[in-house]
Amino acid sequence: MLDMDAKIKIFKALGNETRFKIFKNIFTGGYACSIDESQPKDDMIAQATCVTSIAEQFDFALPTISRHLKELKDAKIITMTKSKNKIYIEPNIETMKEIASCFKTLVEDYEKGVVFQFDNTK
């Protein structure tokens, strides 16, 4: 379960326009990678996005894209898997489901008139 700090880290990571665009395209399959066609289609790595495919879509150097990807990875909203000389990237579906659930709960509580109390005792 995501604690408040983890949720804040996710929103900060997605608060940057470039990172948001990268994440959106990773999540929606907006990038393609030159993938070994001999691998089965249900192989997750065969369907993943690679860093070079992302970098080609932006006017940034590869190190800049890598820094943005690190932010998204540190926020646990993407996963990165190295295979041979490529790093493949996929959305972290479990984290996204949990964030979606948080919003769903907020909306349901709002509609029920539930008042949220902040705990400022950190």
PDB file of N, CA and C in Angstrom:
ATOM      1  N   MET A   1       0.840  -1.187   0.000  1.00  0.00           N
ATOM      2  CA  MET A   1       0.000   0.000   0.000  1.00  0.00           C
ATOM      3  C   MET A   1       0.883   1.247   0.000  1.00  0.00           C
ATOM      4  N   LEU A   2       0.510   2.193  -0.819  1.00  0.00           N
ATOM      5  CA  LEU A   2       1.282   3.429  -0.927  1.00  0.00           C
ATOM      6  C   LEU A   2       1.006   4.328   0.272  1.00  0.00           C
ATOM      7  N   ASP A   3       2.088   4.806   0.892  1.00  0.00           N
ATOM      8  CA  ASP A   3       1.898   5.779   1.964  1.00  0.00           C
ATOM      9  C   ASP A   3       1.827   7.179   1.349  1.00  0.00           C
ATOM     10  N   MET A   4       1.584   8.178   2.158  1.00  0.00           N
ATOM     11  CA  MET A   4       1.404   9.547   1.666  1.00  0.00           C
ATOM     12  C   MET A   4       2.649  10.040   0.930  1.00  0.00           C
ATOM     13  N   ASP A   5       3.841   9.747   1.444  1.00  0.00           N
ATOM     14  CA  ASP A   5       5.070  10.187   0.780  1.00  0.00           C
ATOM     15  C   ASP A   5       5.201   9.579  -0.613  1.00  0.00           C
ATOM     16  N   ALA A   6       4.837   8.306  -0.762  1.00  0.00           N
ATOM     17  CA  ALA A   6       4.907   7.642  -2.066  1.00  0.00           C
ATOM     18  C   ALA A   6       3.928   8.285  -3.049  1.00  0.00           C
ATOM     19  N   LYS A   7       2.745   8.608  -2.576  1.00  0.00           N
ATOM     20  CA  LYS A   7       1.748   9.256  -3.436  1.00  0.00           C
ATOM     21  C   LYS A   7       2.234  10.636  -3.883  1.00  0.00           C
ATOM     22  N   ILE A   8       2.805  11.379  -2.965  1.00  0.00           N
ATOM     23  CA  ILE A   8       3.326  12.709  -3.297  1.00  0.00           C
ATOM     24  C   ILE A   8       4.445  12.595  -4.324  1.00  0.00           C
ATOM     25  N   LYS A   9       5.310  11.593  -4.172  1.00  0.00           N
ATOM     26  CA  LYS A   9       6.402  11.375  -5.123  1.00  0.00           C
ATOM     27  C   LYS A   9       5.861  11.095  -6.526  1.00  0.00           C
ATOM     28  N   ILE A  10       4.785  10.344  -6.608  1.00  0.00           N
ATOM     29  CA  ILE A  10       4.160  10.052  -7.899  1.00  0.00           C
ATOM     30  C   ILE A  10       3.648  11.336  -8.542  1.00  0.00           C
ATOM     31  N   PHE A  11       2.936  12.141  -7.770  1.00  0.00           N
ATOM     32  CA  PHE A  11       2.376  13.374  -8.325  1.00  0.00           C
ATOM     33  C   PHE A  11       3.470  14.371  -8.700  1.00  0.00           C
ATOM     34  N   LYS A  12       4.546  14.423  -7.933  1.00  0.00           N
ATOM     35  CA  LYS A  12       5.660  15.299  -8.294  1.00  0.00           C
ATOM     36  C   LYS A  12       6.307  14.829  -9.592  1.00  0.00           C
ATOM     37  N   ALA A  13       6.473  13.522  -9.732  1.00  0.00           N
ATOM     38  CA  ALA A  13       7.086  12.981 -10.952  1.00  0.00           C
ATOM     39  C   ALA A  13       6.224  13.309 -12.166  1.00  0.00           C
ATOM     40  N   LEU A  14       4.919  13.171 -12.035  1.00  0.00           N
ATOM     41  CA  LEU A  14       4.018  13.434 -13.154  1.00  0.00           C
ATOM     42  C   LEU A  14       3.716  14.917 -13.342  1.00  0.00           C
ATOM     43  N   GLY A  15       4.165  15.747 -12.397  1.00  0.00           N
ATOM     44  CA  GLY A  15       3.942  17.184 -12.475  1.00  0.00           C
ATOM     45  C   GLY A  15       4.819  17.887 -13.496  1.00  0.00           C
ATOM     46  N   ASN A  16       5.822  17.189 -14.000  1.00  0.00           N
ATOM     47  CA  ASN A  16       6.686  17.731 -15.029  1.00  0.00           C
ATOM     48  C   ASN A  16       6.105  17.356 -16.391  1.00  0.00           C
ATOM     49  N   GLU A  17       5.956  18.321 -17.277  1.00  0.00           N
ATOM     50  CA  GLU A  17       5.291  18.076 -18.561  1.00  0.00           C
ATOM     51  C   GLU A  17       5.974  16.987 -19.388  1.00  0.00           C
ATOM     52  N   THR A  18       7.298  17.018 -19.453  1.00  0.00           N
ATOM     53  CA  THR A  18       8.009  16.006 -20.242  1.00  0.00           C
ATOM     54  C   THR A  18       7.822  14.619 -19.649  1.00  0.00           C
ATOM     55  N   ARG A  19       7.956  14.503 -18.319  1.00  0.00           N
ATOM     56  CA  ARG A  19       7.768  13.195 -17.681  1.00  0.00           C
ATOM     57  C   ARG A  19       6.343  12.702 -17.867  1.00  0.00           C
ATOM     58  N   PHE A  20       5.377  13.617 -17.783  1.00  0.00           N
ATOM     59  CA  PHE A  20       3.992  13.213 -17.979  1.00  0.00           C
ATOM     60  C   PHE A  20       3.786  12.676 -19.397  1.00  0.00           C
ATOM     61  N   LYS A  21       4.339  13.365 -20.395  1.00  0.00           N
ATOM     62  CA  LYS A  21       4.202  12.900 -21.779  1.00  0.00           C
ATOM     63  C   LYS A  21       4.881  11.546 -21.972  1.00  0.00           C
ATOM     64  N   ILE A  22       6.070  11.392 -21.394  1.00  0.00           N
ATOM     65  CA  ILE A  22       6.769  10.107 -21.499  1.00  0.00           C
ATOM     66  C   ILE A  22       5.921   9.014 -20.862  1.00  0.00           C
ATOM     67  N   PHE A  23       5.441   9.270 -19.653  1.00  0.00           N
ATOM     68  CA  PHE A  23       4.641   8.258 -18.951  1.00  0.00           C
ATOM     69  C   PHE A  23       3.362   7.926 -19.726  1.00  0.00           C
ATOM     70  N   LYS A  24       2.683   8.950 -20.196  1.00  0.00           N
ATOM     71  CA  LYS A  24       1.438   8.725 -20.943  1.00  0.00           C
ATOM     72  C   LYS A  24       1.693   7.840 -22.152  1.00  0.00           C
ATOM     73  N   ASN A  25       2.761   8.119 -22.870  1.00  0.00           N
ATOM     74  CA  ASN A  25       3.069   7.319 -24.048  1.00  0.00           C
ATOM     75  C   ASN A  25       3.518   5.904 -23.694  1.00  0.00           C
ATOM     76  N   ILE A  26       4.220   5.744 -22.585  1.00  0.00           N
ATOM     77  CA  ILE A  26       4.577   4.399 -22.132  1.00  0.00           C
ATOM     78  C   ILE A  26       3.299   3.648 -21.766  1.00  0.00           C
ATOM     79  N   PHE A  27       2.435   4.310 -21.043  1.00  0.00           N
ATOM     80  CA  PHE A  27       1.208   3.673 -20.550  1.00  0.00           C
ATOM     81  C   PHE A  27       0.262   3.311 -21.692  1.00  0.00           C
ATOM     82  N   THR A  28       0.212   4.128 -22.708  1.00  0.00           N
ATOM     83  CA  THR A  28      -0.724   3.879 -23.806  1.00  0.00           C
ATOM     84  C   THR A  28      -0.076   3.160 -24.982  1.00  0.00           C
ATOM     85  N   GLY A  29       1.180   2.765 -24.835  1.00  0.00           N
ATOM     86  CA  GLY A  29       1.856   2.050 -25.917  1.00  0.00           C
ATOM     87  C   GLY A  29       2.214   2.951 -27.076  1.00  0.00           C
ATOM     88  N   GLY A  30       2.473   4.215 -26.793  1.00  0.00           N
ATOM     89  CA  GLY A  30       2.777   5.182 -27.829  1.00  0.00           C
ATOM     90  C   GLY A  30       4.163   5.075 -28.428  1.00  0.00           C
ATOM     91  N   TYR A  31       5.000   4.213 -27.914  1.00  0.00           N
ATOM     92  CA  TYR A  31       6.340   4.022 -28.454  1.00  0.00           C
ATOM     93  C   TYR A  31       6.474   2.588 -28.935  1.00  0.00           C
ATOM     94  N   ALA A  32       7.293   2.396 -29.910  1.00  0.00           N
ATOM     95  CA  ALA A  32       7.601   1.041 -30.367  1.00  0.00           C
ATOM     96  C   ALA A  32       9.107   0.859 -30.325  1.00  0.00           C
ATOM     97  N   CYS A  33       9.532  -0.353 -30.126  1.00  0.00           N
ATOM     98  CA  CYS A  33      10.954  -0.657 -30.056  1.00  0.00           C
ATOM     99  C   CYS A  33      11.267  -1.708 -31.112  1.00  0.00           C
ATOM    100  N   SER A  34      12.468  -1.660 -31.642  1.00  0.00           N
ATOM    101  CA  SER A  34      12.845  -2.712 -32.591  1.00  0.00           C
ATOM    102  C   SER A  34      13.047  -3.996 -31.792  1.00  0.00           C
ATOM    103  N   ILE A  35      12.035  -4.827 -31.816  1.00  0.00           N
ATOM    104  CA  ILE A  35      11.955  -6.004 -30.960  1.00  0.00           C
ATOM    105  C   ILE A  35      12.155  -7.258 -31.798  1.00  0.00           C
ATOM    106  N   ASP A  36      12.740  -8.255 -31.191  1.00  0.00           N
ATOM    107  CA  ASP A  36      12.957  -9.542 -31.847  1.00  0.00           C
ATOM    108  C   ASP A  36      11.593 -10.167 -32.151  1.00  0.00           C
ATOM    109  N   GLU A  37      11.239 -10.229 -33.429  1.00  0.00           N
ATOM    110  CA  GLU A  37       9.936 -10.755 -33.840  1.00  0.00           C
ATOM    111  C   GLU A  37       9.765 -12.239 -33.542  1.00  0.00           C
ATOM    112  N   SER A  38      10.864 -12.948 -33.263  1.00  0.00           N
ATOM    113  CA  SER A  38      10.754 -14.380 -32.982  1.00  0.00           C
ATOM    114  C   SER A  38      10.229 -14.658 -31.578  1.00  0.00           C
ATOM    115  N   GLN A  39      10.190 -13.626 -30.720  1.00  0.00           N
ATOM    116  CA  GLN A  39       9.668 -13.810 -29.373  1.00  0.00           C
ATOM    117  C   GLN A  39       8.150 -13.855 -29.413  1.00  0.00           C
ATOM    118  N   PRO A  40       7.535 -14.636 -28.516  1.00  0.00           N
ATOM    119  CA  PRO A  40       6.064 -14.701 -28.487  1.00  0.00           C
ATOM    120  C   PRO A  40       5.457 -13.343 -28.146  1.00  0.00           C
ATOM    121  N   LYS A  41       4.292 -13.070 -28.707  1.00  0.00           N
ATOM    122  CA  LYS A  41       3.624 -11.781 -28.503  1.00  0.00           C
ATOM    123  C   LYS A  41       3.189 -11.551 -27.058  1.00  0.00           C
ATOM    124  N   ASP A  42       3.019 -12.630 -26.275  1.00  0.00           N
ATOM    125  CA  ASP A  42       2.606 -12.443 -24.890  1.00  0.00           C
ATOM    126  C   ASP A  42       3.797 -12.248 -23.959  1.00  0.00           C
ATOM    127  N   ASP A  43       5.004 -12.230 -24.496  1.00  0.00           N
ATOM    128  CA  ASP A  43       6.208 -11.964 -23.710  1.00  0.00           C
ATOM    129  C   ASP A  43       6.237 -10.470 -23.404  1.00  0.00           C
ATOM    130  N   MET A  44       6.187 -10.106 -22.113  1.00  0.00           N
ATOM    131  CA  MET A  44       6.116  -8.696 -21.723  1.00  0.00           C
ATOM    132  C   MET A  44       7.287  -7.892 -22.278  1.00  0.00           C
ATOM    133  N   ILE A  45       8.502  -8.437 -22.236  1.00  0.00           N
ATOM    134  CA  ILE A  45       9.650  -7.707 -22.732  1.00  0.00           C
ATOM    135  C   ILE A  45       9.527  -7.476 -24.241  1.00  0.00           C
ATOM    136  N   ALA A  46       8.939  -8.425 -24.941  1.00  0.00           N
ATOM    137  CA  ALA A  46       8.761  -8.257 -26.387  1.00  0.00           C
ATOM    138  C   ALA A  46       7.833  -7.095 -26.701  1.00  0.00           C
ATOM    139  N   GLN A  47       6.951  -6.752 -25.792  1.00  0.00           N
ATOM    140  CA  GLN A  47       5.971  -5.687 -26.020  1.00  0.00           C
ATOM    141  C   GLN A  47       6.350  -4.372 -25.343  1.00  0.00           C
ATOM    142  N   ALA A  48       7.457  -4.340 -24.628  1.00  0.00           N
ATOM    143  CA  ALA A  48       7.838  -3.160 -23.852  1.00  0.00           C
ATOM    144  C   ALA A  48       8.431  -2.069 -24.745  1.00  0.00           C
ATOM    145  N   THR A  49       8.636  -0.922 -24.151  1.00  0.00           N
ATOM    146  CA  THR A  49       9.218   0.238 -24.801  1.00  0.00           C
ATOM    147  C   THR A  49      10.690   0.329 -24.436  1.00  0.00           C
ATOM    148  N   CYS A  50      11.526   0.742 -25.353  1.00  0.00           N
ATOM    149  CA  CYS A  50      12.938   0.913 -25.003  1.00  0.00           C
ATOM    150  C   CYS A  50      13.290   2.401 -24.969  1.00  0.00           C
ATOM    151  N   VAL A  51      14.350   2.713 -24.243  1.00  0.00           N
ATOM    152  CA  VAL A  51      14.752   4.097 -24.000  1.00  0.00           C
ATOM    153  C   VAL A  51      15.027   4.840 -25.303  1.00  0.00           C
ATOM    154  N   THR A  52      15.697   4.199 -26.236  1.00  0.00           N
ATOM    155  CA  THR A  52      16.025   4.895 -27.482  1.00  0.00           C
ATOM    156  C   THR A  52      14.771   5.295 -28.258  1.00  0.00           C
ATOM    157  N   SER A  53      13.726   4.492 -28.184  1.00  0.00           N
ATOM    158  CA  SER A  53      12.467   4.852 -28.857  1.00  0.00           C
ATOM    159  C   SER A  53      11.856   6.097 -28.237  1.00  0.00           C
ATOM    160  N   ILE A  54      11.997   6.233 -26.934  1.00  0.00           N
ATOM    161  CA  ILE A  54      11.483   7.420 -26.243  1.00  0.00           C
ATOM    162  C   ILE A  54      12.304   8.646 -26.628  1.00  0.00           C
ATOM    163  N   ALA A  55      13.613   8.502 -26.582  1.00  0.00           N
ATOM    164  CA  ALA A  55      14.508   9.630 -26.856  1.00  0.00           C
ATOM    165  C   ALA A  55      14.294  10.198 -28.258  1.00  0.00           C
ATOM    166  N   GLU A  56      13.961   9.361 -29.205  1.00  0.00           N
ATOM    167  CA  GLU A  56      13.736   9.807 -30.578  1.00  0.00           C
ATOM    168  C   GLU A  56      12.565  10.777 -30.691  1.00  0.00           C
ATOM    169  N   GLN A  57      11.652  10.775 -29.728  1.00  0.00           N
ATOM    170  CA  GLN A  57      10.451  11.604 -29.787  1.00  0.00           C
ATOM    171  C   GLN A  57      10.619  12.983 -29.147  1.00  0.00           C
ATOM    172  N   PHE A  58      11.784  13.233 -28.539  1.00  0.00           N
ATOM    173  CA  PHE A  58      12.011  14.497 -27.840  1.00  0.00           C
ATOM    174  C   PHE A  58      13.290  15.156 -28.345  1.00  0.00           C
ATOM    175  N   ASP A  59      13.384  16.458 -28.155  1.00  0.00           N
ATOM    176  CA  ASP A  59      14.586  17.194 -28.529  1.00  0.00           C
ATOM    177  C   ASP A  59      15.554  17.277 -27.348  1.00  0.00           C
ATOM    178  N   PHE A  60      15.727  16.155 -26.653  1.00  0.00           N
ATOM    179  CA  PHE A  60      16.640  16.099 -25.524  1.00  0.00           C
ATOM    180  C   PHE A  60      17.679  15.020 -25.781  1.00  0.00           C
ATOM    181  N   ALA A  61      18.830  15.174 -25.166  1.00  0.00           N
ATOM    182  CA  ALA A  61      19.857  14.143 -25.250  1.00  0.00           C
ATOM    183  C   ALA A  61      19.412  12.925 -24.438  1.00  0.00           C
ATOM    184  N   LEU A  62      19.965  11.785 -24.757  1.00  0.00           N
ATOM    185  CA  LEU A  62      19.630  10.542 -24.062  1.00  0.00           C
ATOM    186  C   LEU A  62      19.813  10.649 -22.539  1.00  0.00           C
ATOM    187  N   PRO A  63      20.871  11.324 -22.040  1.00  0.00           N
ATOM    188  CA  PRO A  63      20.997  11.460 -20.576  1.00  0.00           C
ATOM    189  C   PRO A  63      19.826  12.214 -19.932  1.00  0.00           C
ATOM    190  N   THR A  64      19.277  13.195 -20.637  1.00  0.00           N
ATOM    191  CA  THR A  64      18.137  13.940 -20.107  1.00  0.00           C
ATOM    192  C   THR A  64      16.914  13.034 -20.015  1.00  0.00           C
ATOM    193  N   ILE A  65      16.668  12.257 -21.060  1.00  0.00           N
ATOM    194  CA  ILE A  65      15.552  11.303 -21.037  1.00  0.00           C
ATOM    195  C   ILE A  65      15.777  10.292 -19.922  1.00  0.00           C
ATOM    196  N   SER A  66      16.992   9.838 -19.764  1.00  0.00           N
ATOM    197  CA  SER A  66      17.310   8.870 -18.704  1.00  0.00           C
ATOM    198  C   SER A  66      17.007   9.442 -17.324  1.00  0.00           C
ATOM    199  N   ARG A  67      17.304  10.726 -17.117  1.00  0.00           N
ATOM    200  CA  ARG A  67      16.988  11.363 -15.818  1.00  0.00           C
ATOM    201  C   ARG A  67      15.479  11.399 -15.588  1.00  0.00           C
ATOM    202  N   HIS A  68      14.727  11.727 -16.632  1.00  0.00           N
ATOM    203  CA  HIS A  68      13.266  11.737 -16.500  1.00  0.00           C
ATOM    204  C   HIS A  68      12.749  10.327 -16.190  1.00  0.00           C
ATOM    205  N   LEU A  69      13.292   9.342 -16.861  1.00  0.00           N
ATOM    206  CA  LEU A  69      12.881   7.956 -16.609  1.00  0.00           C
ATOM    207  C   LEU A  69      13.229   7.527 -15.185  1.00  0.00           C
ATOM    208  N   LYS A  70      14.379   7.986 -14.692  1.00  0.00           N
ATOM    209  CA  LYS A  70      14.768   7.652 -13.315  1.00  0.00           C
ATOM    210  C   LYS A  70      13.754   8.212 -12.325  1.00  0.00           C
ATOM    211  N   GLU A  71      13.290   9.436 -12.566  1.00  0.00           N
ATOM    212  CA  GLU A  71      12.258  10.031 -11.701  1.00  0.00           C
ATOM    213  C   GLU A  71      10.989   9.191 -11.703  1.00  0.00           C
ATOM    214  N   LEU A  72      10.581   8.748 -12.882  1.00  0.00           N
ATOM    215  CA  LEU A  72       9.373   7.924 -12.987  1.00  0.00           C
ATOM    216  C   LEU A  72       9.579   6.561 -12.317  1.00  0.00           C
ATOM    217  N   LYS A  73      10.767   6.017 -12.474  1.00  0.00           N
ATOM    218  CA  LYS A  73      11.077   4.727 -11.837  1.00  0.00           C
ATOM    219  C   LYS A  73      11.134   4.877 -10.322  1.00  0.00           C
ATOM    220  N   ASP A  74      11.781   5.943  -9.840  1.00  0.00           N
ATOM    221  CA  ASP A  74      11.873   6.174  -8.395  1.00  0.00           C
ATOM    222  C   ASP A  74      10.495   6.372  -7.765  1.00  0.00           C
ATOM    223  N   ALA A  75       9.569   6.907  -8.548  1.00  0.00           N
ATOM    224  CA  ALA A  75       8.198   7.078  -8.071  1.00  0.00           C
ATOM    225  C   ALA A  75       7.403   5.780  -8.184  1.00  0.00           C
ATOM    226  N   LYS A  76       8.035   4.766  -8.746  1.00  0.00           N
ATOM    227  CA  LYS A  76       7.451   3.424  -8.891  1.00  0.00           C
ATOM    228  C   LYS A  76       6.229   3.390  -9.806  1.00  0.00           C
ATOM    229  N   ILE A  77       6.228   4.271 -10.831  1.00  0.00           N
ATOM    230  CA  ILE A  77       5.123   4.226 -11.775  1.00  0.00           C
ATOM    231  C   ILE A  77       5.525   3.590 -13.102  1.00  0.00           C
ATOM    232  N   ILE A  78       6.828   3.292 -13.246  1.00  0.00           N
ATOM    233  CA  ILE A  78       7.289   2.487 -14.370  1.00  0.00           C
ATOM    234  C   ILE A  78       8.268   1.453 -13.834  1.00  0.00           C
ATOM    235  N   THR A  79       8.472   0.401 -14.610  1.00  0.00           N
ATOM    236  CA  THR A  79       9.516  -0.573 -14.305  1.00  0.00           C
ATOM    237  C   THR A  79      10.480  -0.573 -15.484  1.00  0.00           C
ATOM    238  N   MET A  80      11.734  -0.862 -15.187  1.00  0.00           N
ATOM    239  CA  MET A  80      12.757  -0.905 -16.218  1.00  0.00           C
ATOM    240  C   MET A  80      13.475  -2.243 -16.119  1.00  0.00           C
ATOM    241  N   THR A  81      13.584  -2.940 -17.247  1.00  0.00           N
ATOM    242  CA  THR A  81      14.213  -4.252 -17.288  1.00  0.00           C
ATOM    243  C   THR A  81      15.280  -4.245 -18.372  1.00  0.00           C
ATOM    244  N   LYS A  82      16.485  -4.638 -17.998  1.00  0.00           N
ATOM    245  CA  LYS A  82      17.573  -4.685 -18.974  1.00  0.00           C
ATOM    246  C   LYS A  82      17.596  -6.059 -19.629  1.00  0.00           C
ATOM    247  N   SER A  83      17.687  -6.059 -20.950  1.00  0.00           N
ATOM    248  CA  SER A  83      17.795  -7.284 -21.717  1.00  0.00           C
ATOM    249  C   SER A  83      18.836  -7.047 -22.805  1.00  0.00           C
ATOM    250  N   LYS A  84      19.939  -7.732 -22.696  1.00  0.00           N
ATOM    251  CA  LYS A  84      21.070  -7.545 -23.608  1.00  0.00           C
ATOM    252  C   LYS A  84      21.524  -6.092 -23.537  1.00  0.00           C
ATOM    253  N   ASN A  85      21.514  -5.372 -24.641  1.00  0.00           N
ATOM    254  CA  ASN A  85      22.013  -3.996 -24.631  1.00  0.00           C
ATOM    255  C   ASN A  85      20.899  -2.955 -24.595  1.00  0.00           C
ATOM    256  N   LYS A  86      19.686  -3.371 -24.256  1.00  0.00           N
ATOM    257  CA  LYS A  86      18.564  -2.430 -24.197  1.00  0.00           C
ATOM    258  C   LYS A  86      17.901  -2.463 -22.833  1.00  0.00           C
ATOM    259  N   ILE A  87      17.307  -1.339 -22.482  1.00  0.00           N
ATOM    260  CA  ILE A  87      16.514  -1.246 -21.260  1.00  0.00           C
ATOM    261  C   ILE A  87      15.076  -1.064 -21.701  1.00  0.00           C
ATOM    262  N   TYR A  88      14.221  -1.960 -21.246  1.00  0.00           N
ATOM    263  CA  TYR A  88      12.812  -1.927 -21.611  1.00  0.00           C
ATOM    264  C   TYR A  88      11.994  -1.340 -20.467  1.00  0.00           C
ATOM    265  N   ILE A  89      10.991  -0.581 -20.833  1.00  0.00           N
ATOM    266  CA  ILE A  89      10.199   0.159 -19.860  1.00  0.00           C
ATOM    267  C   ILE A  89       8.733  -0.193 -20.019  1.00  0.00           C
ATOM    268  N   GLU A  90       8.089  -0.406 -18.874  1.00  0.00           N
ATOM    269  CA  GLU A  90       6.655  -0.694 -18.858  1.00  0.00           C
ATOM    270  C   GLU A  90       6.009   0.098 -17.729  1.00  0.00           C
ATOM    271  N   PRO A  91       4.724   0.388 -17.838  1.00  0.00           N
ATOM    272  CA  PRO A  91       4.035   1.023 -16.706  1.00  0.00           C
ATOM    273  C   PRO A  91       3.929   0.030 -15.555  1.00  0.00           C
ATOM    274  N   ASN A  92       3.990   0.530 -14.340  1.00  0.00           N
ATOM    275  CA  ASN A  92       3.786  -0.310 -13.157  1.00  0.00           C
ATOM    276  C   ASN A  92       2.284  -0.310 -12.880  1.00  0.00           C
ATOM    277  N   ILE A  93       1.625  -1.311 -13.390  1.00  0.00           N
ATOM    278  CA  ILE A  93       0.162  -1.373 -13.327  1.00  0.00           C
ATOM    279  C   ILE A  93      -0.339  -1.417 -11.885  1.00  0.00           C
ATOM    280  N   GLU A  94       0.343  -2.117 -11.016  1.00  0.00           N
ATOM    281  CA  GLU A  94      -0.112  -2.215  -9.617  1.00  0.00           C
ATOM    282  C   GLU A  94      -0.118  -0.850  -8.942  1.00  0.00           C
ATOM    283  N   THR A  95       0.918  -0.061  -9.160  1.00  0.00           N
ATOM    284  CA  THR A  95       0.953   1.288  -8.589  1.00  0.00           C
ATOM    285  C   THR A  95      -0.166   2.144  -9.171  1.00  0.00           C
ATOM    286  N   MET A  96      -0.390   2.035 -10.476  1.00  0.00           N
ATOM    287  CA  MET A  96      -1.433   2.840 -11.098  1.00  0.00           C
ATOM    288  C   MET A  96      -2.819   2.431 -10.606  1.00  0.00           C
ATOM    289  N   LYS A  97      -3.025   1.141 -10.383  1.00  0.00           N
ATOM    290  CA  LYS A  97      -4.308   0.689  -9.827  1.00  0.00           C
ATOM    291  C   LYS A  97      -4.526   1.270  -8.440  1.00  0.00           C
ATOM    292  N   GLU A  98      -3.451   1.316  -7.654  1.00  0.00           N
ATOM    293  CA  GLU A  98      -3.589   1.847  -6.294  1.00  0.00           C
ATOM    294  C   GLU A  98      -3.881   3.347  -6.302  1.00  0.00           C
ATOM    295  N   ILE A  99      -3.229   4.089  -7.176  1.00  0.00           N
ATOM    296  CA  ILE A  99      -3.506   5.526  -7.289  1.00  0.00           C
ATOM    297  C   ILE A  99      -4.943   5.732  -7.766  1.00  0.00           C
ATOM    298  N   ALA A 100      -5.373   4.957  -8.742  1.00  0.00           N
ATOM    299  CA  ALA A 100      -6.749   5.060  -9.237  1.00  0.00           C
ATOM    300  C   ALA A 100      -7.746   4.775  -8.117  1.00  0.00           C
ATOM    301  N   SER A 101      -7.438   3.792  -7.295  1.00  0.00           N
ATOM    302  CA  SER A 101      -8.301   3.441  -6.169  1.00  0.00           C
ATOM    303  C   SER A 101      -8.388   4.592  -5.167  1.00  0.00           C
ATOM    304  N   CYS A 102      -7.265   5.284  -4.959  1.00  0.00           N
ATOM    305  CA  CYS A 102      -7.270   6.438  -4.045  1.00  0.00           C
ATOM    306  C   CYS A 102      -8.229   7.511  -4.538  1.00  0.00           C
ATOM    307  N   PHE A 103      -8.167   7.800  -5.853  1.00  0.00           N
ATOM    308  CA  PHE A 103      -9.072   8.802  -6.421  1.00  0.00           C
ATOM    309  C   PHE A 103     -10.523   8.337  -6.340  1.00  0.00           C
ATOM    310  N   LYS A 104     -10.745   7.073  -6.600  1.00  0.00           N
ATOM    311  CA  LYS A 104     -12.101   6.533  -6.539  1.00  0.00           C
ATOM    312  C   LYS A 104     -12.667   6.706  -5.124  1.00  0.00           C
ATOM    313  N   THR A 105     -11.849   6.396  -4.127  1.00  0.00           N
ATOM    314  CA  THR A 105     -12.275   6.540  -2.733  1.00  0.00           C
ATOM    315  C   THR A 105     -12.556   8.003  -2.392  1.00  0.00           C
ATOM    316  N   LEU A 106     -11.680   8.912  -2.851  1.00  0.00           N
ATOM    317  CA  LEU A 106     -11.897  10.342  -2.599  1.00  0.00           C
ATOM    318  C   LEU A 106     -13.227  10.813  -3.181  1.00  0.00           C
ATOM    319  N   VAL A 107     -13.508  10.403  -4.419  1.00  0.00           N
ATOM    320  CA  VAL A 107     -14.762  10.809  -5.073  1.00  0.00           C
ATOM    321  C   VAL A 107     -15.959  10.219  -4.337  1.00  0.00           C
ATOM    322  N   GLU A 108     -15.877   8.949  -3.986  1.00  0.00           N
ATOM    323  CA  GLU A 108     -16.990   8.306  -3.274  1.00  0.00           C
ATOM    324  C   GLU A 108     -17.230   8.979  -1.926  1.00  0.00           C
ATOM    325  N   ASP A 109     -16.147   9.273  -1.190  1.00  0.00           N
ATOM    326  CA  ASP A 109     -16.291   9.945   0.101  1.00  0.00           C
ATOM    327  C   ASP A 109     -16.883  11.341  -0.069  1.00  0.00           C
ATOM    328  N   TYR A 110     -16.442  12.053  -1.111  1.00  0.00           N
ATOM    329  CA  TYR A 110     -16.967  13.380  -1.383  1.00  0.00           C
ATOM    330  C   TYR A 110     -18.465  13.312  -1.641  1.00  0.00           C
ATOM    331  N   GLU A 111     -18.859  12.354  -2.461  1.00  0.00           N
ATOM    332  CA  GLU A 111     -20.279  12.222  -2.796  1.00  0.00           C
ATOM    333  C   GLU A 111     -21.120  11.826  -1.587  1.00  0.00           C
ATOM    334  N   LYS A 112     -20.515  11.129  -0.633  1.00  0.00           N
ATOM    335  CA  LYS A 112     -21.219  10.741   0.595  1.00  0.00           C
ATOM    336  C   LYS A 112     -21.191  11.853   1.639  1.00  0.00           C
ATOM    337  N   GLY A 113     -20.407  12.893   1.391  1.00  0.00           N
ATOM    338  CA  GLY A 113     -20.298  13.985   2.351  1.00  0.00           C
ATOM    339  C   GLY A 113     -19.310  13.703   3.473  1.00  0.00           C
ATOM    340  N   VAL A 114     -18.425  12.740   3.274  1.00  0.00           N
ATOM    341  CA  VAL A 114     -17.422  12.417   4.291  1.00  0.00           C
ATOM    342  C   VAL A 114     -16.399  13.527   4.347  1.00  0.00           C
ATOM    343  N   VAL A 115     -16.090  13.994   5.563  1.00  0.00           N
ATOM    344  CA  VAL A 115     -15.101  15.059   5.754  1.00  0.00           C
ATOM    345  C   VAL A 115     -13.775  14.416   6.106  1.00  0.00           C
ATOM    346  N   PHE A 116     -12.728  14.774   5.354  1.00  0.00           N
ATOM    347  CA  PHE A 116     -11.402  14.224   5.593  1.00  0.00           C
ATOM    348  C   PHE A 116     -10.677  15.103   6.599  1.00  0.00           C
ATOM    349  N   GLN A 117     -10.077  14.479   7.596  1.00  0.00           N
ATOM    350  CA  GLN A 117      -9.300  15.196   8.600  1.00  0.00           C
ATOM    351  C   GLN A 117      -7.813  14.989   8.337  1.00  0.00           C
ATOM    352  N   PHE A 118      -7.061  16.094   8.257  1.00  0.00           N
ATOM    353  CA  PHE A 118      -5.619  16.003   8.056  1.00  0.00           C
ATOM    354  C   PHE A 118      -4.950  15.681   9.374  1.00  0.00           C
ATOM    355  N   ASP A 119      -3.936  14.835   9.283  1.00  0.00           N
ATOM    356  CA  ASP A 119      -3.114  14.515  10.458  1.00  0.00           C
ATOM    357  C   ASP A 119      -1.812  15.276  10.317  1.00  0.00           C
ATOM    358  N   ASN A 120      -1.661  16.360  11.054  1.00  0.00           N
ATOM    359  CA  ASN A 120      -0.462  17.211  10.964  1.00  0.00           C
ATOM    360  C   ASN A 120       0.557  16.879  12.052  1.00  0.00           C
ATOM    361  N   THR A 121       0.545  15.659  12.554  1.00  0.00           N
ATOM    362  CA  THR A 121       1.425  15.315  13.667  1.00  0.00           C
ATOM    363  C   THR A 121       2.734  14.678  13.219  1.00  0.00           C
ATOM    364  N   LYS A 122       3.134  14.893  11.984  1.00  0.00           N
ATOM    365  CA  LYS A 122       4.384  14.303  11.494  1.00  0.00           C
ATOM    366  C   LYS A 122       5.582  14.870  12.189  1.00  0.00           C
TER     367      LYS A 122
END
